[in-house]
Amino acid sequence: MGNIATSSGGSPLVIVLLCILLHLAISSEPELDRSFSKAEIQSCRGCSLNRLKEVKAFIYEDLPNYDNIDFKAIHGAPPELVLYSEDMKEKERISLKDLSREQCNDLLKQKGFTKKLKKVEKEL
């Protein structure tokens, strides 16, 4: 009797092990929370936002590139991400003041928001 693991070709054991590894790799990715239909960043336009340079860059440079997220200026308000359900009820509120620009972008992705598709212009 030969050893199945060392036989040449696509042995059943090798195929099973590859399937298990593939499953583990896919299942280890963080799951996206897609239970939110809309979001809003609420913050003042200056004041505390001027002291949070990374959050300010995220709001003014990155946020316009996302679908279903708006900026709402509220005088004196600290920067917060407000997440809404389909019936526009507030589901969650997250402070952004301690996050970096990268962390703000990662948070939106984690909550299931995607960037807008860039328009592809056809050359004639």
PDB file of N, CA and C in Angstrom:
ATOM      1  N   MET A   1       0.829  -1.179   0.000  1.00  0.00           N
ATOM      2  CA  MET A   1       0.000   0.000   0.000  1.00  0.00           C
ATOM      3  C   MET A   1       0.870   1.237   0.000  1.00  0.00           C
ATOM      4  N   GLY A   2       0.524   2.181  -0.875  1.00  0.00           N
ATOM      5  CA  GLY A   2       1.283   3.420  -0.931  1.00  0.00           C
ATOM      6  C   GLY A   2       0.705   4.475  -0.007  1.00  0.00           C
ATOM      7  N   ASN A   3       1.511   5.436   0.310  1.00  0.00           N
ATOM      8  CA  ASN A   3       1.085   6.547   1.163  1.00  0.00           C
ATOM      9  C   ASN A   3       0.297   7.539   0.308  1.00  0.00           C
ATOM     10  N   ILE A   4      -0.932   7.838   0.702  1.00  0.00           N
ATOM     11  CA  ILE A   4      -1.802   8.729  -0.078  1.00  0.00           C
ATOM     12  C   ILE A   4      -1.211  10.135  -0.146  1.00  0.00           C
ATOM     13  N   ALA A   5      -0.648  10.596   0.948  1.00  0.00           N
ATOM     14  CA  ALA A   5      -0.133  11.959   1.013  1.00  0.00           C
ATOM     15  C   ALA A   5       1.074  12.167   0.106  1.00  0.00           C
ATOM     16  N   THR A   6       1.811  11.113  -0.188  1.00  0.00           N
ATOM     17  CA  THR A   6       3.012  11.275  -0.999  1.00  0.00           C
ATOM     18  C   THR A   6       2.818  10.817  -2.433  1.00  0.00           C
ATOM     19  N   SER A   7       1.640  10.324  -2.764  1.00  0.00           N
ATOM     20  CA  SER A   7       1.435   9.876  -4.145  1.00  0.00           C
ATOM     21  C   SER A   7       1.378  11.078  -5.074  1.00  0.00           C
ATOM     22  N   SER A   8       1.738  10.841  -6.325  1.00  0.00           N
ATOM     23  CA  SER A   8       1.755  11.939  -7.289  1.00  0.00           C
ATOM     24  C   SER A   8       0.353  12.228  -7.786  1.00  0.00           C
ATOM     25  N   GLY A   9       0.186  13.414  -8.389  1.00  0.00           N
ATOM     26  CA  GLY A   9      -1.121  13.796  -8.922  1.00  0.00           C
ATOM     27  C   GLY A   9      -1.946  14.495  -7.850  1.00  0.00           C
ATOM     28  N   GLY A  10      -3.216  14.575  -8.104  1.00  0.00           N
ATOM     29  CA  GLY A  10      -4.116  15.270  -7.193  1.00  0.00           C
ATOM     30  C   GLY A  10      -4.749  14.309  -6.219  1.00  0.00           C
ATOM     31  N   SER A  11      -4.018  13.920  -5.216  1.00  0.00           N
ATOM     32  CA  SER A  11      -4.559  12.969  -4.251  1.00  0.00           C
ATOM     33  C   SER A  11      -5.706  13.597  -3.466  1.00  0.00           C
ATOM     34  N   PRO A  12      -6.630  12.789  -3.005  1.00  0.00           N
ATOM     35  CA  PRO A  12      -7.780  13.305  -2.261  1.00  0.00           C
ATOM     36  C   PRO A  12      -7.372  14.076  -1.010  1.00  0.00           C
ATOM     37  N   LEU A  13      -6.331  13.641  -0.327  1.00  0.00           N
ATOM     38  CA  LEU A  13      -5.892  14.307   0.898  1.00  0.00           C
ATOM     39  C   LEU A  13      -5.383  15.715   0.599  1.00  0.00           C
ATOM     40  N   VAL A  14      -4.602  15.855  -0.456  1.00  0.00           N
ATOM     41  CA  VAL A  14      -4.069  17.169  -0.834  1.00  0.00           C
ATOM     42  C   VAL A  14      -5.210  18.107  -1.219  1.00  0.00           C
ATOM     43  N   ILE A  15      -6.170  17.607  -1.961  1.00  0.00           N
ATOM     44  CA  ILE A  15      -7.308  18.424  -2.383  1.00  0.00           C
ATOM     45  C   ILE A  15      -8.112  18.874  -1.163  1.00  0.00           C
ATOM     46  N   VAL A  16      -8.344  17.974  -0.227  1.00  0.00           N
ATOM     47  CA  VAL A  16      -9.088  18.315   0.990  1.00  0.00           C
ATOM     48  C   VAL A  16      -8.326  19.368   1.789  1.00  0.00           C
ATOM     49  N   LEU A  17      -7.023  19.204   1.933  1.00  0.00           N
ATOM     50  CA  LEU A  17      -6.221  20.180   2.682  1.00  0.00           C
ATOM     51  C   LEU A  17      -6.245  21.548   2.010  1.00  0.00           C
ATOM     52  N   LEU A  18      -6.167  21.579   0.689  1.00  0.00           N
ATOM     53  CA  LEU A  18      -6.240  22.850  -0.024  1.00  0.00           C
ATOM     54  C   LEU A  18      -7.594  23.522   0.168  1.00  0.00           C
ATOM     55  N   CYS A  19      -8.653  22.737   0.153  1.00  0.00           N
ATOM     56  CA  CYS A  19      -9.992  23.290   0.376  1.00  0.00           C
ATOM     57  C   CYS A  19     -10.114  23.878   1.783  1.00  0.00           C
ATOM     58  N   ILE A  20      -9.559  23.182   2.766  1.00  0.00           N
ATOM     59  CA  ILE A  20      -9.599  23.675   4.144  1.00  0.00           C
ATOM     60  C   ILE A  20      -8.822  24.983   4.262  1.00  0.00           C
ATOM     61  N   LEU A  21      -7.639  25.048   3.669  1.00  0.00           N
ATOM     62  CA  LEU A  21      -6.832  26.270   3.711  1.00  0.00           C
ATOM     63  C   LEU A  21      -7.542  27.435   3.024  1.00  0.00           C
ATOM     64  N   LEU A  22      -8.169  27.162   1.898  1.00  0.00           N
ATOM     65  CA  LEU A  22      -8.916  28.195   1.188  1.00  0.00           C
ATOM     66  C   LEU A  22     -10.073  28.700   2.031  1.00  0.00           C
ATOM     67  N   HIS A  23     -10.791  27.795   2.671  1.00  0.00           N
ATOM     68  CA  HIS A  23     -11.907  28.176   3.542  1.00  0.00           C
ATOM     69  C   HIS A  23     -11.423  29.047   4.699  1.00  0.00           C
ATOM     70  N   LEU A  24     -10.316  28.662   5.319  1.00  0.00           N
ATOM     71  CA  LEU A  24      -9.771  29.440   6.433  1.00  0.00           C
ATOM     72  C   LEU A  24      -9.343  30.832   5.993  1.00  0.00           C
ATOM     73  N   ALA A  25      -8.745  30.922   4.825  1.00  0.00           N
ATOM     74  CA  ALA A  25      -8.295  32.222   4.317  1.00  0.00           C
ATOM     75  C   ALA A  25      -9.486  33.133   4.047  1.00  0.00           C
ATOM     76  N   ILE A  26     -10.534  32.597   3.471  1.00  0.00           N
ATOM     77  CA  ILE A  26     -11.720  33.405   3.164  1.00  0.00           C
ATOM     78  C   ILE A  26     -12.451  33.793   4.438  1.00  0.00           C
ATOM     79  N   SER A  27     -12.605  32.869   5.369  1.00  0.00           N
ATOM     80  CA  SER A  27     -13.382  33.152   6.578  1.00  0.00           C
ATOM     81  C   SER A  27     -12.632  34.038   7.566  1.00  0.00           C
ATOM     82  N   SER A  28     -11.318  34.224   7.394  1.00  0.00           N
ATOM     83  CA  SER A  28     -10.575  35.065   8.324  1.00  0.00           C
ATOM     84  C   SER A  28     -10.644  36.548   7.956  1.00  0.00           C
ATOM     85  N   GLU A  29     -11.190  36.867   6.772  1.00  0.00           N
ATOM     86  CA  GLU A  29     -11.351  38.263   6.400  1.00  0.00           C
ATOM     87  C   GLU A  29     -12.426  38.890   7.272  1.00  0.00           C
ATOM     88  N   PRO A  30     -12.264  40.160   7.689  1.00  0.00           N
ATOM     89  CA  PRO A  30     -13.287  40.789   8.523  1.00  0.00           C
ATOM     90  C   PRO A  30     -14.595  40.927   7.746  1.00  0.00           C
ATOM     91  N   GLU A  31     -15.685  40.634   8.424  1.00  0.00           N
ATOM     92  CA  GLU A  31     -16.989  40.735   7.780  1.00  0.00           C
ATOM     93  C   GLU A  31     -17.425  42.190   7.736  1.00  0.00           C
ATOM     94  N   LEU A  32     -18.078  42.548   6.648  1.00  0.00           N
ATOM     95  CA  LEU A  32     -18.595  43.892   6.499  1.00  0.00           C
ATOM     96  C   LEU A  32     -19.995  43.951   7.076  1.00  0.00           C
ATOM     97  N   ASP A  33     -20.283  45.030   7.774  1.00  0.00           N
ATOM     98  CA  ASP A  33     -21.607  45.246   8.328  1.00  0.00           C
ATOM     99  C   ASP A  33     -22.409  46.015   7.291  1.00  0.00           C
ATOM    100  N   ARG A  34     -23.335  45.355   6.634  1.00  0.00           N
ATOM    101  CA  ARG A  34     -24.115  45.987   5.575  1.00  0.00           C
ATOM    102  C   ARG A  34     -25.530  46.313   6.038  1.00  0.00           C
ATOM    103  N   SER A  35     -25.724  46.483   7.337  1.00  0.00           N
ATOM    104  CA  SER A  35     -27.056  46.746   7.853  1.00  0.00           C
ATOM    105  C   SER A  35     -27.411  48.233   7.852  1.00  0.00           C
ATOM    106  N   PHE A  36     -26.536  49.070   7.317  1.00  0.00           N
ATOM    107  CA  PHE A  36     -26.783  50.509   7.282  1.00  0.00           C
ATOM    108  C   PHE A  36     -27.021  50.944   5.847  1.00  0.00           C
ATOM    109  N   SER A  37     -28.044  51.747   5.628  1.00  0.00           N
ATOM    110  CA  SER A  37     -28.340  52.177   4.262  1.00  0.00           C
ATOM    111  C   SER A  37     -27.800  53.567   3.966  1.00  0.00           C
ATOM    112  N   LYS A  38     -27.569  54.364   5.005  1.00  0.00           N
ATOM    113  CA  LYS A  38     -27.116  55.737   4.821  1.00  0.00           C
ATOM    114  C   LYS A  38     -26.304  56.145   6.035  1.00  0.00           C
ATOM    115  N   ALA A  39     -25.409  57.098   5.824  1.00  0.00           N
ATOM    116  CA  ALA A  39     -24.621  57.623   6.937  1.00  0.00           C
ATOM    117  C   ALA A  39     -24.439  59.115   6.766  1.00  0.00           C
ATOM    118  N   GLU A  40     -24.044  59.733   7.856  1.00  0.00           N
ATOM    119  CA  GLU A  40     -23.823  61.172   7.860  1.00  0.00           C
ATOM    120  C   GLU A  40     -22.638  61.445   8.774  1.00  0.00           C
ATOM    121  N   ILE A  41     -21.768  62.318   8.352  1.00  0.00           N
ATOM    122  CA  ILE A  41     -20.724  62.811   9.236  1.00  0.00           C
ATOM    123  C   ILE A  41     -21.226  64.141   9.758  1.00  0.00           C
ATOM    124  N   GLN A  42     -21.352  64.255  11.063  1.00  0.00           N
ATOM    125  CA  GLN A  42     -21.789  65.499  11.681  1.00  0.00           C
ATOM    126  C   GLN A  42     -20.597  66.105  12.401  1.00  0.00           C
ATOM    127  N   SER A  43     -20.338  67.386  12.110  1.00  0.00           N
ATOM    128  CA  SER A  43     -19.201  68.069  12.716  1.00  0.00           C
ATOM    129  C   SER A  43     -19.300  69.563  12.454  1.00  0.00           C
ATOM    130  N   CYS A  44     -18.601  70.329  13.265  1.00  0.00           N
ATOM    131  CA  CYS A  44     -18.461  71.746  12.951  1.00  0.00           C
ATOM    132  C   CYS A  44     -17.518  71.866  11.756  1.00  0.00           C
ATOM    133  N   ARG A  45     -17.536  72.992  11.097  1.00  0.00           N
ATOM    134  CA  ARG A  45     -16.659  73.192   9.933  1.00  0.00           C
ATOM    135  C   ARG A  45     -15.244  73.614  10.341  1.00  0.00           C
ATOM    136  N   GLY A  46     -15.088  74.179  11.489  1.00  0.00           N
ATOM    137  CA  GLY A  46     -13.785  74.684  11.922  1.00  0.00           C
ATOM    138  C   GLY A  46     -13.547  74.265  13.358  1.00  0.00           C
ATOM    139  N   CYS A  47     -13.433  75.236  14.237  1.00  0.00           N
ATOM    140  CA  CYS A  47     -13.258  75.023  15.682  1.00  0.00           C
ATOM    141  C   CYS A  47     -12.434  73.777  15.995  1.00  0.00           C
ATOM    142  N   SER A  48     -13.103  72.765  16.541  1.00  0.00           N
ATOM    143  CA  SER A  48     -12.389  71.544  16.938  1.00  0.00           C
ATOM    144  C   SER A  48     -11.866  70.778  15.732  1.00  0.00           C
ATOM    145  N   LEU A  49     -12.519  70.909  14.595  1.00  0.00           N
ATOM    146  CA  LEU A  49     -12.082  70.194  13.397  1.00  0.00           C
ATOM    147  C   LEU A  49     -10.713  70.683  12.922  1.00  0.00           C
ATOM    148  N   ASN A  50     -10.433  71.978  13.124  1.00  0.00           N
ATOM    149  CA  ASN A  50      -9.124  72.521  12.737  1.00  0.00           C
ATOM    150  C   ASN A  50      -7.985  71.907  13.550  1.00  0.00           C
ATOM    151  N   ARG A  51      -8.290  71.421  14.737  1.00  0.00           N
ATOM    152  CA  ARG A  51      -7.271  70.772  15.574  1.00  0.00           C
ATOM    153  C   ARG A  51      -7.104  69.291  15.227  1.00  0.00           C
ATOM    154  N   LEU A  52      -8.010  68.764  14.423  1.00  0.00           N
ATOM    155  CA  LEU A  52      -7.977  67.351  14.033  1.00  0.00           C
ATOM    156  C   LEU A  52      -7.689  67.261  12.540  1.00  0.00           C
ATOM    157  N   LYS A  53      -6.443  67.507  12.181  1.00  0.00           N
ATOM    158  CA  LYS A  53      -6.062  67.639  10.774  1.00  0.00           C
ATOM    159  C   LYS A  53      -6.382  66.392   9.940  1.00  0.00           C
ATOM    160  N   GLU A  54      -6.171  65.207  10.494  1.00  0.00           N
ATOM    161  CA  GLU A  54      -6.434  63.983   9.734  1.00  0.00           C
ATOM    162  C   GLU A  54      -7.931  63.782   9.508  1.00  0.00           C
ATOM    163  N   VAL A  55      -8.729  64.049  10.527  1.00  0.00           N
ATOM    164  CA  VAL A  55     -10.184  63.909  10.393  1.00  0.00           C
ATOM    165  C   VAL A  55     -10.707  64.956   9.413  1.00  0.00           C
ATOM    166  N   LYS A  56     -10.163  66.160   9.474  1.00  0.00           N
ATOM    167  CA  LYS A  56     -10.580  67.219   8.556  1.00  0.00           C
ATOM    168  C   LYS A  56     -10.252  66.835   7.107  1.00  0.00           C
ATOM    169  N   ALA A  57      -9.065  66.282   6.877  1.00  0.00           N
ATOM    170  CA  ALA A  57      -8.682  65.830   5.533  1.00  0.00           C
ATOM    171  C   ALA A  57      -9.625  64.720   5.071  1.00  0.00           C
ATOM    172  N   PHE A  58      -9.975  63.811   5.958  1.00  0.00           N
ATOM    173  CA  PHE A  58     -10.915  62.743   5.623  1.00  0.00           C
ATOM    174  C   PHE A  58     -12.266  63.328   5.205  1.00  0.00           C
ATOM    175  N   ILE A  59     -12.780  64.269   5.976  1.00  0.00           N
ATOM    176  CA  ILE A  59     -14.102  64.845   5.697  1.00  0.00           C
ATOM    177  C   ILE A  59     -14.112  65.604   4.376  1.00  0.00           C
ATOM    178  N   TYR A  60     -13.116  66.438   4.154  1.00  0.00           N
ATOM    179  CA  TYR A  60     -13.146  67.307   2.974  1.00  0.00           C
ATOM    180  C   TYR A  60     -12.556  66.677   1.707  1.00  0.00           C
ATOM    181  N   GLU A  61     -11.696  65.673   1.854  1.00  0.00           N
ATOM    182  CA  GLU A  61     -11.055  65.085   0.678  1.00  0.00           C
ATOM    183  C   GLU A  61     -11.537  63.667   0.352  1.00  0.00           C
ATOM    184  N   ASP A  62     -11.776  62.850   1.372  1.00  0.00           N
ATOM    185  CA  ASP A  62     -12.142  61.455   1.135  1.00  0.00           C
ATOM    186  C   ASP A  62     -13.653  61.227   1.120  1.00  0.00           C
ATOM    187  N   LEU A  63     -14.354  61.863   2.024  1.00  0.00           N
ATOM    188  CA  LEU A  63     -15.794  61.637   2.173  1.00  0.00           C
ATOM    189  C   LEU A  63     -16.593  61.859   0.890  1.00  0.00           C
ATOM    190  N   PRO A  64     -16.291  62.884   0.086  1.00  0.00           N
ATOM    191  CA  PRO A  64     -17.062  63.069  -1.157  1.00  0.00           C
ATOM    192  C   PRO A  64     -16.953  61.898  -2.140  1.00  0.00           C
ATOM    193  N   ASN A  65     -15.994  61.007  -1.943  1.00  0.00           N
ATOM    194  CA  ASN A  65     -15.807  59.861  -2.839  1.00  0.00           C
ATOM    195  C   ASN A  65     -16.665  58.658  -2.467  1.00  0.00           C
ATOM    196  N   TYR A  66     -17.434  58.741  -1.382  1.00  0.00           N
ATOM    197  CA  TYR A  66     -18.248  57.617  -0.923  1.00  0.00           C
ATOM    198  C   TYR A  66     -19.713  57.798  -1.309  1.00  0.00           C
ATOM    199  N   ASP A  67     -20.372  56.672  -1.554  1.00  0.00           N
ATOM    200  CA  ASP A  67     -21.809  56.653  -1.813  1.00  0.00           C
ATOM    201  C   ASP A  67     -22.582  56.641  -0.500  1.00  0.00           C
ATOM    202  N   ASN A  68     -23.737  57.280  -0.499  1.00  0.00           N
ATOM    203  CA  ASN A  68     -24.698  57.240   0.605  1.00  0.00           C
ATOM    204  C   ASN A  68     -24.188  57.810   1.923  1.00  0.00           C
ATOM    205  N   ILE A  69     -23.254  58.751   1.839  1.00  0.00           N
ATOM    206  CA  ILE A  69     -22.749  59.418   3.040  1.00  0.00           C
ATOM    207  C   ILE A  69     -22.700  60.913   2.767  1.00  0.00           C
ATOM    208  N   ASP A  70     -23.262  61.686   3.685  1.00  0.00           N
ATOM    209  CA  ASP A  70     -23.288  63.136   3.552  1.00  0.00           C
ATOM    210  C   ASP A  70     -22.564  63.774   4.721  1.00  0.00           C
ATOM    211  N   PHE A  71     -22.183  65.015   4.521  1.00  0.00           N
ATOM    212  CA  PHE A  71     -21.598  65.814   5.590  1.00  0.00           C
ATOM    213  C   PHE A  71     -22.648  66.819   6.053  1.00  0.00           C
ATOM    214  N   LYS A  72     -22.851  66.886   7.356  1.00  0.00           N
ATOM    215  CA  LYS A  72     -23.792  67.841   7.926  1.00  0.00           C
ATOM    216  C   LYS A  72     -23.025  68.710   8.912  1.00  0.00           C
ATOM    217  N   ALA A  73     -22.936  69.997   8.594  1.00  0.00           N
ATOM    218  CA  ALA A  73     -22.226  70.940   9.462  1.00  0.00           C
ATOM    219  C   ALA A  73     -23.130  71.336  10.623  1.00  0.00           C
ATOM    220  N   ILE A  74     -22.625  71.135  11.843  1.00  0.00           N
ATOM    221  CA  ILE A  74     -23.347  71.527  13.056  1.00  0.00           C
ATOM    222  C   ILE A  74     -22.379  72.337  13.907  1.00  0.00           C
ATOM    223  N   HIS A  75     -22.716  73.586  14.128  1.00  0.00           N
ATOM    224  CA  HIS A  75     -21.845  74.509  14.868  1.00  0.00           C
ATOM    225  C   HIS A  75     -21.448  73.914  16.226  1.00  0.00           C
ATOM    226  N   GLY A  76     -20.134  73.812  16.453  1.00  0.00           N
ATOM    227  CA  GLY A  76     -19.597  73.353  17.728  1.00  0.00           C
ATOM    228  C   GLY A  76     -19.621  71.850  17.950  1.00  0.00           C
ATOM    229  N   ALA A  77     -20.109  71.076  16.996  1.00  0.00           N
ATOM    230  CA  ALA A  77     -20.222  69.623  17.184  1.00  0.00           C
ATOM    231  C   ALA A  77     -18.895  68.919  16.913  1.00  0.00           C
ATOM    232  N   PRO A  78     -18.552  67.944  17.753  1.00  0.00           N
ATOM    233  CA  PRO A  78     -17.359  67.135  17.470  1.00  0.00           C
ATOM    234  C   PRO A  78     -17.665  66.205  16.295  1.00  0.00           C
ATOM    235  N   PRO A  79     -16.650  65.765  15.555  1.00  0.00           N
ATOM    236  CA  PRO A  79     -16.897  64.903  14.389  1.00  0.00           C
ATOM    237  C   PRO A  79     -17.392  63.514  14.802  1.00  0.00           C
ATOM    238  N   GLU A  80     -18.550  63.144  14.234  1.00  0.00           N
ATOM    239  CA  GLU A  80     -19.138  61.840  14.514  1.00  0.00           C
ATOM    240  C   GLU A  80     -19.703  61.231  13.242  1.00  0.00           C
ATOM    241  N   LEU A  81     -19.617  59.912  13.155  1.00  0.00           N
ATOM    242  CA  LEU A  81     -20.257  59.162  12.091  1.00  0.00           C
ATOM    243  C   LEU A  81     -21.596  58.689  12.636  1.00  0.00           C
ATOM    244  N   VAL A  82     -22.677  59.051  11.945  1.00  0.00           N
ATOM    245  CA  VAL A  82     -24.019  58.644  12.355  1.00  0.00           C
ATOM    246  C   VAL A  82     -24.544  57.686  11.290  1.00  0.00           C
ATOM    247  N   LEU A  83     -24.925  56.504  11.724  1.00  0.00           N
ATOM    248  CA  LEU A  83     -25.373  55.453  10.811  1.00  0.00           C
ATOM    249  C   LEU A  83     -26.880  55.262  10.935  1.00  0.00           C
ATOM    250  N   TYR A  84     -27.540  55.149   9.775  1.00  0.00           N
ATOM    251  CA  TYR A  84     -28.996  55.051   9.728  1.00  0.00           C
ATOM    252  C   TYR A  84     -29.441  53.745   9.079  1.00  0.00           C
ATOM    253  N   SER A  85     -30.616  53.272   9.513  1.00  0.00           N
ATOM    254  CA  SER A  85     -31.249  52.105   8.898  1.00  0.00           C
ATOM    255  C   SER A  85     -31.999  52.556   7.652  1.00  0.00           C
ATOM    256  N   GLU A  86     -32.604  51.612   6.954  1.00  0.00           N
ATOM    257  CA  GLU A  86     -33.352  51.950   5.740  1.00  0.00           C
ATOM    258  C   GLU A  86     -34.507  52.905   6.014  1.00  0.00           C
ATOM    259  N   ASP A  87     -35.115  52.802   7.191  1.00  0.00           N
ATOM    260  CA  ASP A  87     -36.225  53.697   7.522  1.00  0.00           C
ATOM    261  C   ASP A  87     -35.739  54.997   8.187  1.00  0.00           C
ATOM    262  N   MET A  88     -34.442  55.277   8.007  1.00  0.00           N
ATOM    263  CA  MET A  88     -33.798  56.516   8.457  1.00  0.00           C
ATOM    264  C   MET A  88     -33.831  56.722   9.974  1.00  0.00           C
ATOM    265  N   LYS A  89     -33.808  55.622  10.709  1.00  0.00           N
ATOM    266  CA  LYS A  89     -33.685  55.705  12.160  1.00  0.00           C
ATOM    267  C   LYS A  89     -32.212  55.565  12.515  1.00  0.00           C
ATOM    268  N   GLU A  90     -31.762  56.398  13.438  1.00  0.00           N
ATOM    269  CA  GLU A  90     -30.359  56.326  13.853  1.00  0.00           C
ATOM    270  C   GLU A  90     -30.102  54.996  14.546  1.00  0.00           C
ATOM    271  N   LYS A  91     -29.067  54.285  14.059  1.00  0.00           N
ATOM    272  CA  LYS A  91     -28.723  52.985  14.630  1.00  0.00           C
ATOM    273  C   LYS A  91     -27.453  53.023  15.460  1.00  0.00           C
ATOM    274  N   GLU A  92     -26.525  53.905  15.055  1.00  0.00           N
ATOM    275  CA  GLU A  92     -25.234  53.939  15.748  1.00  0.00           C
ATOM    276  C   GLU A  92     -24.587  55.297  15.535  1.00  0.00           C
ATOM    277  N   ARG A  93     -23.818  55.740  16.538  1.00  0.00           N
ATOM    278  CA  ARG A  93     -23.092  57.010  16.468  1.00  0.00           C
ATOM    279  C   ARG A  93     -21.679  56.739  16.969  1.00  0.00           C
ATOM    280  N   ILE A  94     -20.675  57.097  16.141  1.00  0.00           N
ATOM    281  CA  ILE A  94     -19.279  56.795  16.465  1.00  0.00           C
ATOM    282  C   ILE A  94     -18.451  58.073  16.393  1.00  0.00           C
ATOM    283  N   SER A  95     -17.715  58.352  17.442  1.00  0.00           N
ATOM    284  CA  SER A  95     -16.831  59.524  17.469  1.00  0.00           C
ATOM    285  C   SER A  95     -15.628  59.287  16.560  1.00  0.00           C
ATOM    286  N   LEU A  96     -15.261  60.312  15.806  1.00  0.00           N
ATOM    287  CA  LEU A  96     -14.098  60.221  14.911  1.00  0.00           C
ATOM    288  C   LEU A  96     -12.895  60.981  15.452  1.00  0.00           C
ATOM    289  N   LYS A  97     -13.054  61.686  16.557  1.00  0.00           N
ATOM    290  CA  LYS A  97     -12.011  62.608  17.015  1.00  0.00           C
ATOM    291  C   LYS A  97     -10.669  61.956  17.328  1.00  0.00           C
ATOM    292  N   ASP A  98     -10.665  60.679  17.679  1.00  0.00           N
ATOM    293  CA  ASP A  98      -9.406  60.004  18.018  1.00  0.00           C
ATOM    294  C   ASP A  98      -8.875  59.132  16.883  1.00  0.00           C
ATOM    295  N   LEU A  99      -9.504  59.214  15.710  1.00  0.00           N
ATOM    296  CA  LEU A  99      -9.106  58.357  14.596  1.00  0.00           C
ATOM    297  C   LEU A  99      -8.203  59.084  13.606  1.00  0.00           C
ATOM    298  N   SER A 100      -7.368  58.319  12.929  1.00  0.00           N
ATOM    299  CA  SER A 100      -6.552  58.854  11.844  1.00  0.00           C
ATOM    300  C   SER A 100      -7.397  58.864  10.571  1.00  0.00           C
ATOM    301  N   ARG A 101      -6.897  59.491   9.540  1.00  0.00           N
ATOM    302  CA  ARG A 101      -7.583  59.521   8.248  1.00  0.00           C
ATOM    303  C   ARG A 101      -7.787  58.100   7.722  1.00  0.00           C
ATOM    304  N   GLU A 102      -6.762  57.291   7.820  1.00  0.00           N
ATOM    305  CA  GLU A 102      -6.842  55.900   7.364  1.00  0.00           C
ATOM    306  C   GLU A 102      -7.881  55.120   8.165  1.00  0.00           C
ATOM    307  N   GLN A 103      -7.917  55.322   9.472  1.00  0.00           N
ATOM    308  CA  GLN A 103      -8.891  54.636  10.316  1.00  0.00           C
ATOM    309  C   GLN A 103     -10.323  55.062   9.987  1.00  0.00           C
ATOM    310  N   CYS A 104     -10.517  56.326   9.651  1.00  0.00           N
ATOM    311  CA  CYS A 104     -11.850  56.799   9.250  1.00  0.00           C
ATOM    312  C   CYS A 104     -12.296  56.093   7.979  1.00  0.00           C
ATOM    313  N   ASN A 105     -11.407  55.982   7.001  1.00  0.00           N
ATOM    314  CA  ASN A 105     -11.730  55.283   5.755  1.00  0.00           C
ATOM    315  C   ASN A 105     -12.003  53.806   6.016  1.00  0.00           C
ATOM    316  N   ASP A 106     -11.190  53.188   6.859  1.00  0.00           N
ATOM    317  CA  ASP A 106     -11.382  51.777   7.194  1.00  0.00           C
ATOM    318  C   ASP A 106     -12.719  51.558   7.896  1.00  0.00           C
ATOM    319  N   LEU A 107     -13.109  52.494   8.745  1.00  0.00           N
ATOM    320  CA  LEU A 107     -14.388  52.397   9.455  1.00  0.00           C
ATOM    321  C   LEU A 107     -15.556  52.391   8.473  1.00  0.00           C
ATOM    322  N   LEU A 108     -15.515  53.282   7.493  1.00  0.00           N
ATOM    323  CA  LEU A 108     -16.593  53.318   6.500  1.00  0.00           C
ATOM    324  C   LEU A 108     -16.660  52.005   5.718  1.00  0.00           C
ATOM    325  N   LYS A 109     -15.507  51.476   5.351  1.00  0.00           N
ATOM    326  CA  LYS A 109     -15.479  50.204   4.623  1.00  0.00           C
ATOM    327  C   LYS A 109     -16.017  49.067   5.489  1.00  0.00           C
ATOM    328  N   GLN A 110     -15.624  49.071   6.761  1.00  0.00           N
ATOM    329  CA  GLN A 110     -16.082  48.041   7.699  1.00  0.00           C
ATOM    330  C   GLN A 110     -17.604  48.097   7.860  1.00  0.00           C
ATOM    331  N   LYS A 111     -18.170  49.278   7.793  1.00  0.00           N
ATOM    332  CA  LYS A 111     -19.619  49.448   7.945  1.00  0.00           C
ATOM    333  C   LYS A 111     -20.360  49.201   6.629  1.00  0.00           C
ATOM    334  N   GLY A 112     -19.630  48.821   5.592  1.00  0.00           N
ATOM    335  CA  GLY A 112     -20.250  48.412   4.347  1.00  0.00           C
ATOM    336  C   GLY A 112     -20.407  49.500   3.301  1.00  0.00           C
ATOM    337  N   PHE A 113     -19.798  50.657   3.496  1.00  0.00           N
ATOM    338  CA  PHE A 113     -19.907  51.742   2.522  1.00  0.00           C
ATOM    339  C   PHE A 113     -18.794  51.630   1.486  1.00  0.00           C
ATOM    340  N   THR A 114     -19.133  51.986   0.265  1.00  0.00           N
ATOM    341  CA  THR A 114     -18.181  51.854  -0.831  1.00  0.00           C
ATOM    342  C   THR A 114     -17.946  53.195  -1.497  1.00  0.00           C
ATOM    343  N   LYS A 115     -16.820  53.274  -2.179  1.00  0.00           N
ATOM    344  CA  LYS A 115     -16.506  54.487  -2.918  1.00  0.00           C
ATOM    345  C   LYS A 115     -17.295  54.532  -4.208  1.00  0.00           C
ATOM    346  N   LYS A 116     -17.568  55.738  -4.666  1.00  0.00           N
ATOM    347  CA  LYS A 116     -18.294  55.932  -5.915  1.00  0.00           C
ATOM    348  C   LYS A 116     -17.462  55.406  -7.065  1.00  0.00           C
ATOM    349  N   LEU A 117     -18.138  54.886  -8.062  1.00  0.00           N
ATOM    350  CA  LEU A 117     -17.449  54.427  -9.262  1.00  0.00           C
ATOM    351  C   LEU A 117     -17.005  55.645 -10.056  1.00  0.00           C
ATOM    352  N   LYS A 118     -15.772  55.623 -10.518  1.00  0.00           N
ATOM    353  CA  LYS A 118     -15.267  56.728 -11.325  1.00  0.00           C
ATOM    354  C   LYS A 118     -15.832  56.612 -12.726  1.00  0.00           C
ATOM    355  N   LYS A 119     -16.204  57.742 -13.272  1.00  0.00           N
ATOM    356  CA  LYS A 119     -16.723  57.758 -14.627  1.00  0.00           C
ATOM    357  C   LYS A 119     -15.588  57.502 -15.605  1.00  0.00           C
ATOM    358  N   VAL A 120     -15.824  56.578 -16.500  1.00  0.00           N
ATOM    359  CA  VAL A 120     -14.822  56.261 -17.515  1.00  0.00           C
ATOM    360  C   VAL A 120     -15.229  56.985 -18.793  1.00  0.00           C
ATOM    361  N   GLU A 121     -14.385  57.884 -19.207  1.00  0.00           N
ATOM    362  CA  GLU A 121     -14.682  58.616 -20.429  1.00  0.00           C
ATOM    363  C   GLU A 121     -14.118  57.855 -21.623  1.00  0.00           C
ATOM    364  N   LYS A 122     -14.953  57.696 -22.609  1.00  0.00           N
ATOM    365  CA  LYS A 122     -14.522  57.000 -23.814  1.00  0.00           C
ATOM    366  C   LYS A 122     -13.920  57.988 -24.792  1.00  0.00           C
ATOM    367  N   GLU A 123     -12.771  57.642 -25.304  1.00  0.00           N
ATOM    368  CA  GLU A 123     -12.123  58.479 -26.296  1.00  0.00           C
ATOM    369  C   GLU A 123     -12.630  58.050 -27.672  1.00  0.00           C
ATOM    370  N   LEU A 124     -12.986  59.009 -28.459  1.00  0.00           N
ATOM    371  CA  LEU A 124     -13.485  58.714 -29.810  1.00  0.00           C
ATOM    372  C   LEU A 124     -12.397  58.827 -30.829  1.00  0.00           C
TER     373      LEU A 124
END
